[in-house]
Amino acid sequence: MYDKRVLIIKYINDRLSKLEELGKKYSEDKINKLADNLVALNKPLEEVYALIDNKFSYQARKISHNNYLASLKEYYLANIDKLKKSNNCYLLSYNEGTKVLEQAKVTSIKKDAKSDYVSINDGYGYRKDNSKENDYELIMSDIAYLMNIPYAKTYRMFNEKMEPTGILYGSMEDKNEKFLDLEDTFSFIKEESNKFMLKSKLVYYHDRNIKHGITQVFETSIVKDSIDYVLDLFACLPDITPENLEELKGSYLKVKVFEVLTNSLNNNLENYGIIINKKEKKYTYEFAPTFNKCVTKNEMLSKDETICNFFIVDKEDIINILFKNYYKYIKELTNMIVDNNVSMYKIIDKVTKEHLEFDEYKNYKEILKYNYDKFERTFRTSNLEAITEEVRDENNNKYLFRIAPYIDNYDFDAFDETIENKGSVVLVGALGLVLVITIVIIGFAIYIISKVGI
């Protein structure tokens, strides 16, 4: 007859002896209490041992993750000058994949319930307070860069102790330009557009749906109508040319792919925009860089649901509608994402790890993987038109150029696996990538020295 409690304690101690950091956190009393709780479960020893392994594995990974975050903070503090009297914060951002840490002076100019307009050194932007959600802003800007989707210039603010204090967006409009979110765009069209039939259709659709708030729908036709509403907004803009209209449509639809994959839920009309420029009495338009995509979870939504303008919808419906109705606008982006799945996921994992606490990081990794698998599975079963090899080569080589700084920063094998997955196509791009990485390293060093005097 064996003493189950003694065997459990022995197993716990054996496991802790191999996990030095974790072992420091377990006193004898804590070990005894854990053993008593496990005995009380009245499970076979094999199941108890599995429970111990799972518990310690999770805790060890959490300790390792938190140590990593602490080491990053120490690294930043060791490699940046003390704040000058003229500055009041540090700003962390990404410049084409390269991490930049700089000193800055941020001053509030105008603050209201909706936003805090600030000066940032010689420029302007908007500040948001510190929150768990806002931890996602730099992550989103980096994922957007990997997908070649413009994202508003985004900074993580830190105080003199390198403690996070908020998020900044750089202003998206230049001197002679005006930014309008899509609700403001609707108002602009009502006042300025002479396309009366289309305008009447837009007004009817908007006013019918806006009064109900965000509601859940299950019909794919309603989901498509919601996307078409935005495309019709663009078509109703005064002076819009066919070429300009196609550019706006393509930019918006690519962002819809980005939202599905990243689990962004800030997808109402106030979180997209256009930039208006008027020259020689004619309007021209540009789709504004993506912004404010930090909300990735909502307790009222399942992992299969997202938000599309006025509605809660199924992600599968969004994906199918994009592939069935708008594939010509997103086919290059879609193929690039699927072709480079290994390296892209690894890079996103590394970036995410730098900004989220362990449990948040773990949960977000899982939803990213879930979304990607759903997207790729639908893509591979949709019998879509193939892109040409020339276009595929060009897109993948541009992607390799974008990931060069990450390969250097994180020192991992994603690039090798990417080569194995795509064969000779990527090898062509790889020949030039060594030179690119070298140039990026030198450029990054010069850039950092100029910014922070390391």
Protein backbone atom coordinates (compact mmCIF):
# COMPACT_ATOMS: atom_id res chain seq x y z
CA MET A 1 0.00 0.00 0.00
CA TYR A 2 1.46 3.38 -0.99
CA ASP A 3 0.98 6.79 0.61
CA LYS A 4 -0.54 8.86 -2.21
CA ARG A 5 0.20 12.18 -0.52
CA VAL A 6 3.90 11.31 -0.10
CA LEU A 7 4.19 10.36 -3.77
CA ILE A 8 2.47 13.58 -4.87
CA ILE A 9 4.81 15.71 -2.72
CA LYS A 10 7.82 13.85 -4.12
CA TYR A 11 6.58 14.47 -7.68
CA ILE A 12 6.00 18.17 -6.93
CA ASN A 13 9.51 18.55 -5.52
CA ASP A 14 11.04 16.71 -8.48
CA ARG A 15 9.30 19.04 -10.90
CA LEU A 16 10.21 22.17 -8.94
CA SER A 17 13.88 21.12 -8.82
CA LYS A 18 13.93 21.46 -12.62
CA LEU A 19 12.15 24.81 -12.58
CA GLU A 20 14.46 27.04 -10.58
CA GLU A 21 12.50 30.29 -10.88
CA LEU A 22 9.22 28.60 -10.03
CA GLY A 23 10.75 26.68 -7.14
CA LYS A 24 11.60 29.94 -5.40
CA LYS A 25 7.89 30.74 -5.17
CA TYR A 26 6.86 27.48 -3.44
CA SER A 27 7.38 27.20 0.32
CA GLU A 28 6.99 23.86 2.12
CA ASP A 29 3.58 24.96 3.41
CA LYS A 30 2.44 25.83 -0.10
CA ILE A 31 3.63 22.45 -1.40
CA ASN A 32 1.79 20.61 1.38
CA LYS A 33 -1.42 22.56 0.71
CA LEU A 34 -1.20 21.80 -3.00
CA ALA A 35 -0.68 18.11 -2.24
CA ASP A 36 -3.70 18.04 0.10
CA ASN A 37 -5.88 19.66 -2.60
CA LEU A 38 -4.72 17.13 -5.20
CA VAL A 39 -5.34 14.15 -2.89
CA ALA A 40 -8.86 15.48 -2.26
CA LEU A 41 -9.60 15.25 -6.00
CA ASN A 42 -9.49 11.44 -5.63
CA LYS A 43 -8.03 10.96 -9.12
CA PRO A 44 -5.53 8.30 -10.28
CA LEU A 45 -1.88 9.27 -9.82
CA GLU A 46 -1.32 9.57 -13.58
CA GLU A 47 -4.04 12.22 -13.81
CA VAL A 48 -2.70 14.04 -10.75
CA TYR A 49 0.81 14.10 -12.25
CA ALA A 50 -0.63 15.53 -15.48
CA LEU A 51 -2.41 18.26 -13.50
CA ILE A 52 0.86 19.14 -11.75
CA ASP A 53 2.72 19.27 -15.07
CA ASN A 54 0.09 21.54 -16.63
CA LYS A 55 0.00 23.85 -13.63
CA PHE A 56 3.77 24.20 -13.41
CA SER A 57 4.19 24.53 -17.17
CA TYR A 58 1.73 27.41 -17.23
CA GLN A 59 3.32 29.12 -14.22
CA ALA A 60 6.84 28.68 -15.57
CA ARG A 61 5.84 30.23 -18.91
CA LYS A 62 4.17 33.10 -17.07
CA ILE A 63 7.29 33.76 -15.00
CA SER A 64 9.45 33.62 -18.11
CA HIS A 65 7.13 36.03 -19.91
CA ASN A 66 7.08 38.51 -17.02
CA ASN A 67 10.88 38.30 -16.71
CA TYR A 68 11.08 39.10 -20.42
CA LEU A 69 8.90 42.20 -20.00
CA ALA A 70 10.99 43.31 -17.02
CA SER A 71 14.20 42.83 -18.98
CA LEU A 72 12.82 44.99 -21.80
CA LYS A 73 12.12 47.80 -19.35
CA GLU A 74 15.64 47.52 -17.92
CA TYR A 75 17.08 47.49 -21.43
CA TYR A 76 15.21 50.67 -22.35
CA LEU A 77 16.33 52.42 -19.16
CA ALA A 78 19.95 51.40 -19.72
CA ASN A 79 20.04 52.57 -23.31
CA ILE A 80 18.35 55.94 -23.30
CA ASP A 81 19.47 59.23 -21.83
CA LYS A 82 17.74 60.76 -18.84
CA LEU A 83 14.86 63.01 -19.84
CA LYS A 84 15.99 66.52 -20.76
CA LYS A 85 14.30 69.39 -18.97
CA SER A 86 12.51 70.39 -22.17
CA ASN A 87 10.93 66.90 -22.52
CA ASN A 88 8.32 65.16 -20.38
CA CYS A 89 8.06 61.58 -21.74
CA TYR A 90 9.56 58.81 -23.83
CA LEU A 91 7.82 57.59 -26.96
CA LEU A 92 8.11 54.07 -28.38
CA SER A 93 7.04 53.51 -31.99
CA TYR A 94 7.84 51.44 -35.05
CA ASN A 95 9.35 52.96 -38.16
CA GLU A 96 8.86 50.45 -40.99
CA GLY A 97 9.37 47.56 -38.61
CA THR A 98 12.26 49.14 -36.71
CA LYS A 99 11.67 49.97 -33.05
CA VAL A 100 12.36 53.62 -32.17
CA LEU A 101 12.57 54.98 -28.63
CA GLU A 102 12.85 58.76 -28.33
CA GLN A 103 12.34 61.63 -25.94
CA ALA A 104 9.50 64.08 -26.51
CA LYS A 105 7.49 66.94 -25.14
CA VAL A 106 3.74 66.28 -25.31
CA THR A 107 1.40 69.15 -24.39
CA SER A 108 -2.38 69.17 -24.34
CA ILE A 109 -3.92 71.79 -26.63
CA LYS A 110 -7.62 70.99 -26.54
CA LYS A 111 -9.35 68.30 -24.52
CA ASP A 112 -12.99 67.23 -24.61
CA ALA A 113 -15.03 64.10 -23.91
CA LYS A 114 -14.12 62.63 -27.30
CA SER A 115 -10.39 63.36 -27.63
CA ASP A 116 -7.29 65.08 -26.27
CA TYR A 117 -5.59 67.07 -29.04
CA VAL A 118 -1.89 67.51 -28.26
CA SER A 119 1.37 68.84 -29.66
CA ILE A 120 4.12 66.23 -30.12
CA ASN A 121 7.49 67.94 -30.49
CA ASP A 122 7.02 69.76 -33.83
CA GLY A 123 3.81 67.97 -34.80
CA TYR A 124 0.30 67.27 -33.56
CA GLY A 125 -1.83 64.30 -32.63
CA TYR A 126 -4.27 62.76 -30.17
CA ARG A 127 -3.67 61.17 -26.78
CA LYS A 128 -5.52 58.30 -25.11
CA ASP A 129 -5.17 57.27 -21.49
CA ASN A 130 -3.36 54.13 -20.38
CA SER A 131 -5.44 50.94 -20.45
CA LYS A 132 -5.14 47.24 -21.22
CA GLU A 133 -6.96 47.81 -24.51
CA ASN A 134 -4.50 50.47 -25.56
CA ASP A 135 -1.66 47.97 -25.17
CA TYR A 136 -2.89 46.63 -28.51
CA GLU A 137 -2.29 49.84 -30.45
CA LEU A 138 1.40 49.24 -31.24
CA ILE A 139 0.61 45.60 -31.96
CA MET A 140 -2.04 46.63 -34.49
CA SER A 141 0.22 49.17 -36.15
CA ASP A 142 2.90 46.50 -36.58
CA ILE A 143 0.52 43.85 -37.96
CA ALA A 144 -0.82 46.45 -40.39
CA TYR A 145 2.73 47.16 -41.54
CA LEU A 146 3.36 43.46 -42.14
CA MET A 147 0.23 43.37 -44.31
CA ASN A 148 1.20 46.60 -46.10
CA ILE A 149 -1.85 48.41 -44.75
CA PRO A 150 -1.28 52.05 -43.72
CA TYR A 151 -1.83 52.65 -40.00
CA ALA A 152 -1.84 55.96 -38.15
CA LYS A 153 1.55 56.80 -36.65
CA THR A 154 1.22 55.34 -33.15
CA TYR A 155 3.35 55.91 -30.04
CA ARG A 156 3.40 54.25 -26.63
CA MET A 157 4.07 56.89 -23.97
CA PHE A 158 6.32 56.22 -20.94
CA ASN A 159 7.31 58.35 -17.97
CA GLU A 160 10.90 58.80 -16.72
CA LYS A 161 10.72 55.35 -15.01
CA MET A 162 9.65 53.69 -18.28
CA GLU A 163 6.15 53.06 -16.93
CA PRO A 164 3.44 53.20 -19.64
CA THR A 165 1.21 56.26 -19.41
CA GLY A 166 -0.82 56.35 -22.61
CA ILE A 167 -1.05 56.14 -26.40
CA LEU A 168 -0.55 58.85 -29.02
CA TYR A 169 -1.71 59.03 -32.63
CA GLY A 170 0.07 61.36 -35.00
CA SER A 171 -2.23 63.68 -36.95
CA MET A 172 -3.29 62.16 -40.28
CA GLU A 173 -3.89 65.41 -42.18
CA ASP A 174 -1.44 67.92 -43.61
CA LYS A 175 -1.87 71.68 -43.82
CA ASN A 176 -4.24 71.80 -46.79
CA GLU A 177 -6.09 68.57 -46.00
CA LYS A 178 -9.09 67.65 -43.90
CA PHE A 179 -9.78 64.34 -42.15
CA LEU A 180 -13.36 63.08 -41.96
CA ASP A 181 -14.47 59.85 -40.31
CA LEU A 182 -17.20 58.03 -42.23
CA GLU A 183 -20.01 59.53 -40.15
CA ASP A 184 -18.65 63.00 -40.96
CA THR A 185 -18.25 61.86 -44.57
CA PHE A 186 -21.97 61.04 -44.64
CA SER A 187 -22.74 64.61 -43.45
CA PHE A 188 -20.31 66.05 -46.02
CA ILE A 189 -22.07 64.12 -48.81
CA LYS A 190 -25.50 65.32 -47.70
CA GLU A 191 -24.29 68.92 -48.02
CA GLU A 192 -21.96 68.74 -51.02
CA SER A 193 -22.94 65.87 -53.35
CA ASN A 194 -25.24 66.44 -56.34
CA LYS A 195 -25.77 62.69 -56.93
CA PHE A 196 -29.32 62.89 -55.67
CA MET A 197 -30.52 59.33 -56.31
CA LEU A 198 -27.54 57.70 -54.64
CA LYS A 199 -27.58 60.26 -51.83
CA SER A 200 -31.25 59.52 -51.10
CA LYS A 201 -30.44 55.79 -50.96
CA LEU A 202 -27.60 56.45 -48.50
CA VAL A 203 -29.69 58.70 -46.27
CA TYR A 204 -32.51 56.15 -46.12
CA TYR A 205 -30.15 53.27 -45.30
CA HIS A 206 -28.13 55.22 -42.73
CA ASP A 207 -31.08 56.70 -40.85
CA ARG A 208 -32.95 53.38 -40.80
CA ASN A 209 -30.02 51.54 -39.18
CA ILE A 210 -28.29 54.14 -37.02
CA LYS A 211 -31.29 54.57 -34.70
CA HIS A 212 -31.16 50.93 -33.57
CA GLY A 213 -27.52 50.97 -32.45
CA ILE A 214 -25.42 47.85 -33.00
CA THR A 215 -27.76 44.89 -33.66
CA GLN A 216 -27.11 41.25 -34.51
CA VAL A 217 -27.95 39.94 -37.97
CA PHE A 218 -27.69 36.49 -39.55
CA GLU A 219 -28.55 37.12 -43.22
CA THR A 220 -25.49 37.47 -45.45
CA SER A 221 -27.38 39.89 -47.69
CA ILE A 222 -27.62 42.35 -44.77
CA VAL A 223 -23.89 42.00 -44.11
CA LYS A 224 -23.12 42.69 -47.78
CA ASP A 225 -25.46 45.70 -47.77
CA SER A 226 -23.51 47.10 -44.82
CA ILE A 227 -20.24 46.86 -46.76
CA ASP A 228 -21.88 48.23 -49.91
CA TYR A 229 -23.11 51.23 -47.92
CA VAL A 230 -19.50 52.32 -47.37
CA LEU A 231 -18.59 51.70 -51.02
CA ASP A 232 -21.63 53.77 -52.07
CA LEU A 233 -20.49 56.55 -49.74
CA PHE A 234 -17.27 56.71 -51.71
CA ALA A 235 -19.16 56.67 -55.02
CA CYS A 236 -21.32 59.59 -53.87
CA LEU A 237 -18.39 61.87 -53.07
CA PRO A 238 -18.37 65.04 -55.21
CA ASP A 239 -15.76 65.07 -58.01
CA ILE A 240 -14.73 61.44 -57.35
CA THR A 241 -13.04 59.90 -60.40
CA PRO A 242 -13.31 56.21 -61.32
CA GLU A 243 -9.63 55.72 -60.45
CA ASN A 244 -9.97 57.47 -57.09
CA LEU A 245 -13.11 55.44 -56.32
CA GLU A 246 -11.29 52.15 -56.99
CA GLU A 247 -8.45 53.22 -54.67
CA LEU A 248 -10.87 53.98 -51.83
CA LYS A 249 -12.75 50.72 -52.30
CA GLY A 250 -9.56 48.65 -52.32
CA SER A 251 -8.17 50.34 -49.19
CA TYR A 252 -11.39 49.84 -47.22
CA LEU A 253 -11.81 46.18 -48.23
CA LYS A 254 -8.21 45.35 -47.30
CA VAL A 255 -8.87 46.78 -43.86
CA LYS A 256 -11.82 44.38 -43.55
CA VAL A 257 -9.37 41.47 -44.05
CA PHE A 258 -7.08 43.01 -41.42
CA GLU A 259 -9.99 43.29 -38.95
CA VAL A 260 -11.06 39.67 -39.31
CA LEU A 261 -7.52 38.35 -38.81
CA THR A 262 -6.59 40.61 -35.88
CA ASN A 263 -9.98 40.33 -34.16
CA SER A 264 -10.44 44.08 -34.22
CA LEU A 265 -13.93 45.01 -33.02
CA ASN A 266 -13.71 48.81 -33.36
CA ASN A 267 -15.36 48.60 -36.75
CA ASN A 268 -18.08 51.22 -36.63
CA LEU A 269 -18.17 54.13 -39.06
CA GLU A 270 -16.34 56.53 -36.74
CA ASN A 271 -13.25 54.31 -36.90
CA TYR A 272 -12.60 54.73 -40.63
CA GLY A 273 -11.94 57.93 -42.46
CA ILE A 274 -10.96 59.75 -45.61
CA ILE A 275 -8.60 62.66 -46.17
CA ILE A 276 -9.97 65.41 -48.42
CA ASN A 277 -7.88 67.75 -50.50
CA LYS A 278 -9.31 70.48 -52.71
CA LYS A 279 -7.21 71.71 -55.62
CA GLU A 280 -8.39 73.99 -58.40
CA LYS A 281 -11.96 73.74 -57.11
CA LYS A 282 -11.91 69.94 -57.38
CA TYR A 283 -11.95 67.45 -54.51
CA THR A 284 -9.58 64.51 -54.33
CA TYR A 285 -9.68 61.79 -51.68
CA GLU A 286 -7.43 59.36 -49.90
CA PHE A 287 -8.45 56.59 -47.54
CA ALA A 288 -7.06 57.57 -44.15
CA PRO A 289 -4.56 55.31 -42.38
CA THR A 290 -6.26 52.76 -40.15
CA PHE A 291 -6.56 53.81 -36.50
CA ASN A 292 -8.09 52.93 -33.14
CA LYS A 293 -8.23 49.16 -33.69
CA CYS A 294 -7.31 48.28 -30.10
CA VAL A 295 -10.56 46.58 -28.99
CA THR A 296 -10.10 42.83 -29.54
CA LYS A 297 -12.68 41.31 -27.22
CA ASN A 298 -16.23 41.89 -26.11
CA GLU A 299 -17.99 39.66 -23.60
CA MET A 300 -21.19 39.89 -25.63
CA LEU A 301 -19.54 38.45 -28.75
CA SER A 302 -18.44 34.88 -29.38
CA LYS A 303 -15.09 34.15 -31.02
CA ASP A 304 -16.98 33.62 -34.30
CA GLU A 305 -18.52 37.10 -34.28
CA THR A 306 -17.29 40.56 -35.16
CA ILE A 307 -18.74 44.01 -35.86
CA CYS A 308 -19.34 45.41 -39.33
CA ASN A 309 -20.56 49.03 -39.28
CA PHE A 310 -24.11 48.78 -37.86
CA PHE A 311 -24.18 45.09 -37.08
CA ILE A 312 -22.83 42.12 -35.13
CA VAL A 313 -22.06 39.52 -37.79
CA ASP A 314 -20.42 36.14 -38.25
CA LYS A 315 -16.76 36.29 -39.33
CA GLU A 316 -17.39 33.48 -41.77
CA ASP A 317 -20.00 35.65 -43.52
CA ILE A 318 -17.55 38.54 -43.82
CA ILE A 319 -14.84 36.29 -45.26
CA ASN A 320 -17.19 34.63 -47.75
CA ILE A 321 -18.59 37.98 -48.89
CA LEU A 322 -15.08 39.38 -49.39
CA PHE A 323 -14.03 36.37 -51.45
CA LYS A 324 -17.25 36.05 -53.44
CA ASN A 325 -17.91 39.71 -54.21
CA TYR A 326 -14.71 41.72 -53.81
CA TYR A 327 -11.85 39.31 -54.40
CA LYS A 328 -10.22 41.45 -57.09
CA TYR A 329 -9.55 44.11 -54.45
CA ILE A 330 -8.00 41.79 -51.87
CA LYS A 331 -6.48 38.90 -53.86
CA GLU A 332 -2.88 40.13 -53.68
CA LEU A 333 -3.13 40.76 -49.94
CA THR A 334 -4.85 37.41 -49.36
CA ASN A 335 -2.25 35.40 -51.27
CA MET A 336 0.61 37.22 -49.55
CA ILE A 337 -0.85 36.41 -46.11
CA VAL A 338 -1.41 32.73 -46.94
CA ASP A 339 2.00 32.33 -48.63
CA ASN A 340 3.85 33.80 -45.65
CA ASN A 341 1.84 32.32 -42.82
CA VAL A 342 4.80 30.87 -40.86
CA SER A 343 6.99 33.95 -40.63
CA MET A 344 4.07 36.38 -40.24
CA TYR A 345 2.62 34.45 -37.31
CA LYS A 346 6.02 34.20 -35.61
CA ILE A 347 6.67 37.92 -35.97
CA ILE A 348 3.20 38.80 -34.67
CA ASP A 349 3.82 36.49 -31.72
CA LYS A 350 7.09 38.30 -30.89
CA VAL A 351 5.54 41.76 -31.19
CA THR A 352 2.51 40.75 -29.12
CA LYS A 353 4.72 39.33 -26.40
CA GLU A 354 6.42 42.70 -25.90
CA HIS A 355 3.22 44.57 -25.09
CA LEU A 356 0.84 42.24 -23.21
CA GLU A 357 0.83 40.55 -19.83
CA PHE A 358 1.05 36.76 -20.03
CA ASP A 359 -2.64 35.78 -19.80
CA GLU A 360 -3.64 38.48 -22.27
CA TYR A 361 -0.83 37.45 -24.61
CA LYS A 362 -1.79 33.77 -24.40
CA ASN A 363 -5.47 34.44 -25.11
CA TYR A 364 -4.73 36.77 -28.02
CA LYS A 365 -2.39 34.25 -29.62
CA GLU A 366 -5.18 31.69 -29.53
CA ILE A 367 -7.75 33.97 -31.18
CA LEU A 368 -5.22 35.03 -33.84
CA LYS A 369 -4.59 31.40 -34.71
CA TYR A 370 -8.32 30.66 -34.75
CA ASN A 371 -9.04 33.58 -37.09
CA TYR A 372 -6.16 32.76 -39.40
CA ASP A 373 -7.18 29.09 -39.70
CA LYS A 374 -10.76 30.13 -40.51
CA PHE A 375 -9.55 32.62 -43.13
CA GLU A 376 -7.11 30.21 -44.79
CA ARG A 377 -9.58 27.32 -44.77
CA THR A 378 -12.20 29.44 -46.54
CA PHE A 379 -9.60 30.72 -48.99
CA ARG A 380 -8.44 27.22 -49.95
CA THR A 381 -11.99 25.93 -50.46
CA SER A 382 -13.39 28.90 -52.39
CA ASN A 383 -12.02 28.06 -55.86
CA LEU A 384 -10.72 31.59 -56.34
CA GLU A 385 -8.88 32.94 -59.35
CA ALA A 386 -5.12 32.44 -59.02
CA ILE A 387 -2.76 35.38 -59.23
CA THR A 388 0.09 35.27 -61.73
CA GLU A 389 3.50 34.03 -60.65
CA GLU A 390 4.98 37.45 -61.47
CA VAL A 391 2.57 39.19 -59.12
CA ARG A 392 3.08 36.54 -56.44
CA ASP A 393 6.88 36.92 -56.67
CA GLU A 394 6.68 40.70 -56.45
CA ASN A 395 4.33 40.67 -53.43
CA ASN A 396 6.35 38.08 -51.55
CA ASN A 397 9.65 39.85 -52.18
CA LYS A 398 8.16 43.12 -50.93
CA TYR A 399 7.02 41.25 -47.84
CA LEU A 400 10.57 39.95 -47.31
CA PHE A 401 11.85 43.50 -47.46
CA ARG A 402 9.34 44.57 -44.79
CA ILE A 403 10.28 41.77 -42.38
CA ALA A 404 14.05 42.39 -42.61
CA PRO A 405 14.18 44.49 -39.39
CA TYR A 406 12.24 41.83 -37.46
CA ILE A 407 14.60 39.07 -38.53
CA ASP A 408 17.47 41.09 -37.08
CA ASN A 409 15.64 42.32 -33.95
CA TYR A 410 14.29 38.96 -32.84
CA ASP A 411 16.96 36.57 -34.15
CA PHE A 412 14.70 33.61 -34.91
CA ASP A 413 14.28 31.08 -37.70
CA ALA A 414 11.05 32.35 -39.29
CA PHE A 415 12.95 33.44 -42.38
CA ASP A 416 14.42 29.97 -42.90
CA GLU A 417 10.99 28.37 -42.59
CA THR A 418 9.55 30.90 -45.02
CA ILE A 419 12.14 29.84 -47.56
CA GLU A 420 11.29 26.18 -47.05
CA ASN A 421 7.59 26.88 -47.54
CA LYS A 422 7.85 28.93 -50.71
CA GLY A 423 10.91 27.44 -52.42
CA SER A 424 12.79 29.16 -55.18
CA VAL A 425 10.44 32.16 -55.37
CA VAL A 426 11.59 33.37 -51.98
CA LEU A 427 15.20 32.41 -52.56
CA VAL A 428 15.33 35.05 -55.26
CA GLY A 429 14.25 37.68 -52.76
CA ALA A 430 16.51 36.25 -50.09
CA LEU A 431 19.65 36.99 -52.10
CA GLY A 432 19.06 40.69 -51.68
CA LEU A 433 17.75 40.49 -48.15
CA VAL A 434 21.15 40.10 -46.46
CA LEU A 435 22.18 43.46 -47.91
CA VAL A 436 18.84 44.96 -46.88
CA ILE A 437 19.26 43.77 -43.29
CA THR A 438 22.75 45.25 -43.12
CA ILE A 439 21.51 48.60 -44.40
CA VAL A 440 18.58 48.54 -41.95
CA ILE A 441 20.89 47.80 -39.00
CA ILE A 442 23.19 50.69 -39.88
CA GLY A 443 20.26 53.01 -40.55
CA PHE A 444 18.57 52.03 -37.30
CA ALA A 445 21.75 52.71 -35.31
CA ILE A 446 22.12 56.15 -36.88
CA TYR A 447 18.43 56.88 -36.30
CA ILE A 448 18.52 55.91 -32.64
CA ILE A 449 21.72 57.87 -31.99
CA SER A 450 20.16 60.95 -33.54
CA LYS A 451 17.02 60.54 -31.45
CA VAL A 452 18.24 59.55 -28.00
CA GLY A 453 21.98 59.93 -27.91
CA ILE A 454 22.77 56.31 -26.99
